[in-house]
Amino acid sequence: MKNKKLIDFKVFFNGIWKENPILFLMLGLCPLLAISSSTSDSIGMGIAFTFILICSNVIISSIRKFVPNQVRIPVFIVIIAVFVTITDYTIGAYLPQLQKNLGVFLPLIVVNCIVLGRAEAFASKNNIFNSLLDGIGMGLGFTFIIVLMAIIREGIGNGTIAGKIIFGKNYKPFLIMILPPGAFLVLGFLIAFKNSLDRRKKC
């Protein structure tokens, strides 16, 4: 049996594009669809999400050999919950308005399919270095998509980006873009765009 690479940088790039948690794995869509109407809130969610994913991946990977198989999921949830609590309290202390805007979606990262899924599918089976790269890649992949969606939705739906007017005061907002249907519409186009690029690369 071949040993797994100590450091495999493909793991990092997989999370950003090839196995993007949103466009490929289709996980963690609830916060994506709810928060992506605001660019500033999306940046905050992306940073918080990435921090939690990296920290939980590293800790879970470091203790994976000591956790009995029968209780691994509860242990993973407790570890993730610790970092979610740290993040929630820190944001509440320094950025209370952001915490209010993110609402319940910040605490719900505890049971987010991406975080728990990477803990079970990757961190619990790989070394610390690769788990770190996986956390960074998946986190950046999630952040890139949620911020891109927010720029598109807020720009078209409100005429602003991060609260700053970009199309002038006479612009008539396309309000459907900042509503749930707009989120699904933008996500669908992004998935189609990724699939189209992937097919061209294979040709």
Protein backbone atom coordinates (compact mmCIF):
# COMPACT_ATOMS: atom_id res chain seq x y z
CA MET A 1 0.00 0.00 0.00
CA LYS A 2 1.44 3.35 -1.04
CA ASN A 3 1.92 6.04 1.59
CA LYS A 4 -0.06 9.22 1.16
CA LYS A 5 1.95 12.31 0.27
CA LEU A 6 3.00 14.35 3.28
CA ILE A 7 2.10 17.56 1.43
CA ASP A 8 -0.13 17.41 -1.65
CA PHE A 9 -0.82 20.87 -3.07
CA LYS A 10 -3.46 19.45 -5.40
CA VAL A 11 -5.67 19.25 -2.31
CA PHE A 12 -5.50 23.05 -2.00
CA PHE A 13 -6.41 23.76 -5.63
CA ASN A 14 -9.18 21.12 -5.64
CA GLY A 15 -11.12 23.13 -3.07
CA ILE A 16 -10.82 26.36 -5.00
CA TRP A 17 -12.02 25.06 -8.38
CA LYS A 18 -12.13 21.36 -9.29
CA GLU A 19 -14.03 20.24 -6.18
CA ASN A 20 -15.39 23.62 -5.14
CA PRO A 21 -17.75 23.05 -2.19
CA ILE A 22 -20.50 25.12 -3.80
CA LEU A 23 -20.17 24.65 -7.56
CA PHE A 24 -19.14 20.97 -7.49
CA LEU A 25 -20.12 19.40 -4.16
CA MET A 26 -23.30 21.54 -3.83
CA LEU A 27 -22.98 21.73 -0.04
CA GLY A 28 -23.61 24.55 2.43
CA LEU A 29 -26.13 26.34 0.23
CA CYS A 30 -28.30 27.79 3.02
CA PRO A 31 -25.85 30.49 4.22
CA LEU A 32 -24.76 31.07 0.63
CA LEU A 33 -28.27 31.86 -0.57
CA ALA A 34 -29.23 33.86 2.53
CA ILE A 35 -26.10 36.02 3.01
CA SER A 36 -25.01 36.61 -0.59
CA SER A 37 -27.26 39.65 -1.09
CA SER A 38 -24.66 41.81 0.68
CA THR A 39 -20.98 41.99 -0.30
CA SER A 40 -19.71 43.10 3.12
CA ASP A 41 -21.70 40.40 4.95
CA SER A 42 -20.48 37.78 2.47
CA ILE A 43 -16.84 38.72 3.09
CA GLY A 44 -17.43 38.41 6.84
CA MET A 45 -19.12 35.04 6.48
CA GLY A 46 -16.36 33.79 4.16
CA ILE A 47 -13.58 34.76 6.58
CA ALA A 48 -15.41 33.25 9.57
CA PHE A 49 -16.20 30.07 7.63
CA THR A 50 -12.60 29.67 6.43
CA PHE A 51 -11.18 30.17 9.94
CA ILE A 52 -13.52 27.55 11.42
CA LEU A 53 -12.85 25.07 8.61
CA ILE A 54 -9.06 25.40 8.87
CA CYS A 55 -8.96 25.12 12.66
CA SER A 56 -11.37 22.18 12.88
CA ASN A 57 -9.59 20.32 10.07
CA VAL A 58 -6.20 20.68 11.77
CA ILE A 59 -7.42 19.61 15.22
CA ILE A 60 -9.47 16.69 13.91
CA SER A 61 -6.55 15.46 11.82
CA SER A 62 -4.18 15.70 14.80
CA ILE A 63 -6.41 13.58 17.06
CA ARG A 64 -7.86 11.22 14.46
CA LYS A 65 -5.89 8.20 15.66
CA PHE A 66 -7.07 8.63 19.24
CA VAL A 67 -10.81 9.01 18.61
CA PRO A 68 -12.85 5.77 18.72
CA ASN A 69 -14.70 5.18 15.48
CA GLN A 70 -18.06 4.87 17.27
CA VAL A 71 -17.97 8.44 18.64
CA ARG A 72 -16.08 10.28 15.92
CA ILE A 73 -19.07 12.34 14.67
CA PRO A 74 -20.01 13.73 18.13
CA VAL A 75 -16.34 14.52 18.76
CA PHE A 76 -16.08 16.32 15.40
CA ILE A 77 -19.20 18.37 16.18
CA VAL A 78 -17.86 19.40 19.59
CA ILE A 79 -14.55 20.52 18.05
CA ILE A 80 -16.32 22.50 15.33
CA ALA A 81 -18.67 24.02 17.92
CA VAL A 82 -15.70 25.29 19.94
CA PHE A 83 -14.33 27.25 16.99
CA VAL A 84 -17.79 28.47 15.98
CA THR A 85 -18.30 29.80 19.50
CA ILE A 86 -14.90 31.53 19.48
CA THR A 87 -15.69 33.10 16.11
CA ASP A 88 -19.21 34.13 17.11
CA TYR A 89 -18.07 35.79 20.34
CA THR A 90 -15.15 37.53 18.64
CA ILE A 91 -17.36 38.96 15.89
CA GLY A 92 -19.93 39.96 18.51
CA ALA A 93 -17.28 41.84 20.47
CA TYR A 94 -15.63 43.69 17.60
CA LEU A 95 -18.22 43.67 14.79
CA PRO A 96 -21.67 43.49 16.42
CA GLN A 97 -23.49 44.70 13.31
CA LEU A 98 -21.93 41.91 11.24
CA GLN A 99 -22.96 39.37 13.86
CA LYS A 100 -26.52 40.73 13.70
CA ASN A 101 -26.55 40.59 9.89
CA LEU A 102 -25.24 37.02 9.76
CA GLY A 103 -27.85 36.03 12.32
CA VAL A 104 -28.45 32.35 12.90
CA PHE A 105 -26.29 31.32 9.95
CA LEU A 106 -23.07 31.92 11.90
CA PRO A 107 -23.90 29.52 14.78
CA LEU A 108 -25.29 27.02 12.26
CA ILE A 109 -21.79 26.53 10.82
CA VAL A 110 -21.56 23.86 13.55
CA VAL A 111 -23.72 21.58 11.41
CA ASN A 112 -22.74 22.98 8.02
CA CYS A 113 -22.36 20.13 5.53
CA ILE A 114 -19.06 21.45 4.18
CA VAL A 115 -17.31 21.70 7.56
CA LEU A 116 -18.65 18.42 8.91
CA GLY A 117 -18.19 16.74 5.55
CA ARG A 118 -14.51 17.72 5.28
CA ALA A 119 -13.94 16.57 8.85
CA GLU A 120 -15.39 13.14 8.09
CA ALA A 121 -14.27 12.67 4.49
CA PHE A 122 -10.81 14.24 4.64
CA ALA A 123 -9.37 15.46 7.96
CA SER A 124 -10.14 12.20 9.77
CA LYS A 125 -8.22 10.25 7.12
CA ASN A 126 -5.27 12.51 6.25
CA ASN A 127 -2.27 14.15 7.89
CA ILE A 128 -2.25 17.63 9.42
CA PHE A 129 -0.49 19.33 6.48
CA ASN A 130 -2.93 18.11 3.86
CA SER A 131 -5.88 18.78 6.16
CA LEU A 132 -4.64 22.35 6.56
CA LEU A 133 -4.40 22.74 2.78
CA ASP A 134 -7.86 21.22 2.36
CA GLY A 135 -9.31 23.66 4.89
CA ILE A 136 -7.67 26.66 3.23
CA GLY A 137 -8.69 25.55 -0.28
CA MET A 138 -12.30 24.73 0.62
CA GLY A 139 -12.60 27.91 2.67
CA LEU A 140 -11.26 30.10 -0.12
CA GLY A 141 -13.47 28.28 -2.64
CA PHE A 142 -16.55 28.99 -0.51
CA THR A 143 -15.50 32.60 0.11
CA PHE A 144 -14.79 33.27 -3.56
CA ILE A 145 -18.23 32.06 -4.65
CA ILE A 146 -20.26 33.76 -1.91
CA VAL A 147 -18.48 37.10 -2.48
CA LEU A 148 -18.81 36.81 -6.27
CA MET A 149 -22.51 36.08 -5.91
CA ALA A 150 -22.89 39.02 -3.54
CA ILE A 151 -21.16 41.41 -5.95
CA ILE A 152 -23.47 40.30 -8.77
CA ARG A 153 -26.65 40.28 -6.69
CA GLU A 154 -26.03 43.51 -4.80
CA GLY A 155 -24.72 45.28 -7.88
CA ILE A 156 -27.67 44.41 -10.11
CA GLY A 157 -30.33 44.26 -7.40
CA ASN A 158 -29.41 47.38 -5.47
CA GLY A 159 -26.96 49.30 -7.65
CA THR A 160 -24.30 49.14 -4.96
CA ILE A 161 -21.27 47.08 -3.91
CA ALA A 162 -20.53 46.99 -0.18
CA GLY A 163 -22.99 49.85 0.21
CA LYS A 164 -21.27 52.12 -2.31
CA ILE A 165 -23.24 53.33 -5.34
CA ILE A 166 -21.70 52.07 -8.60
CA PHE A 167 -24.34 52.72 -11.29
CA GLY A 168 -25.37 56.24 -10.36
CA LYS A 169 -28.44 57.58 -8.59
CA ASN A 170 -30.65 57.15 -11.66
CA TYR A 171 -30.12 53.39 -11.81
CA LYS A 172 -33.31 51.37 -11.38
CA PRO A 173 -32.49 48.27 -9.29
CA PHE A 174 -33.49 44.83 -10.51
CA LEU A 175 -34.93 43.89 -7.13
CA ILE A 176 -35.44 40.20 -7.86
CA MET A 177 -31.66 39.74 -7.67
CA ILE A 178 -31.55 40.46 -3.93
CA LEU A 179 -34.47 38.11 -3.29
CA PRO A 180 -34.17 34.28 -3.00
CA PRO A 181 -35.04 33.67 -6.70
CA GLY A 182 -32.10 35.89 -7.67
CA ALA A 183 -29.74 33.80 -5.55
CA PHE A 184 -30.80 30.59 -7.28
CA LEU A 185 -30.54 32.28 -10.68
CA VAL A 186 -26.97 33.51 -10.11
CA LEU A 187 -25.89 30.20 -8.60
CA GLY A 188 -27.29 28.33 -11.60
CA PHE A 189 -25.36 30.52 -14.04
CA LEU A 190 -22.11 30.08 -12.07
CA ILE A 191 -22.49 26.30 -12.02
CA ALA A 192 -23.21 26.27 -15.75
CA PHE A 193 -20.17 28.49 -16.37
CA LYS A 194 -17.88 26.17 -14.38
CA ASN A 195 -19.21 23.07 -16.14
CA SER A 196 -18.70 24.74 -19.51
CA LEU A 197 -15.07 25.59 -18.72
CA ASP A 198 -14.40 22.08 -17.41
CA ARG A 199 -15.78 20.53 -20.61
CA ARG A 200 -13.56 22.76 -22.79
CA LYS A 201 -10.48 21.72 -20.81
CA LYS A 202 -11.28 18.05 -21.46
CA CYS A 203 -11.64 18.60 -25.22
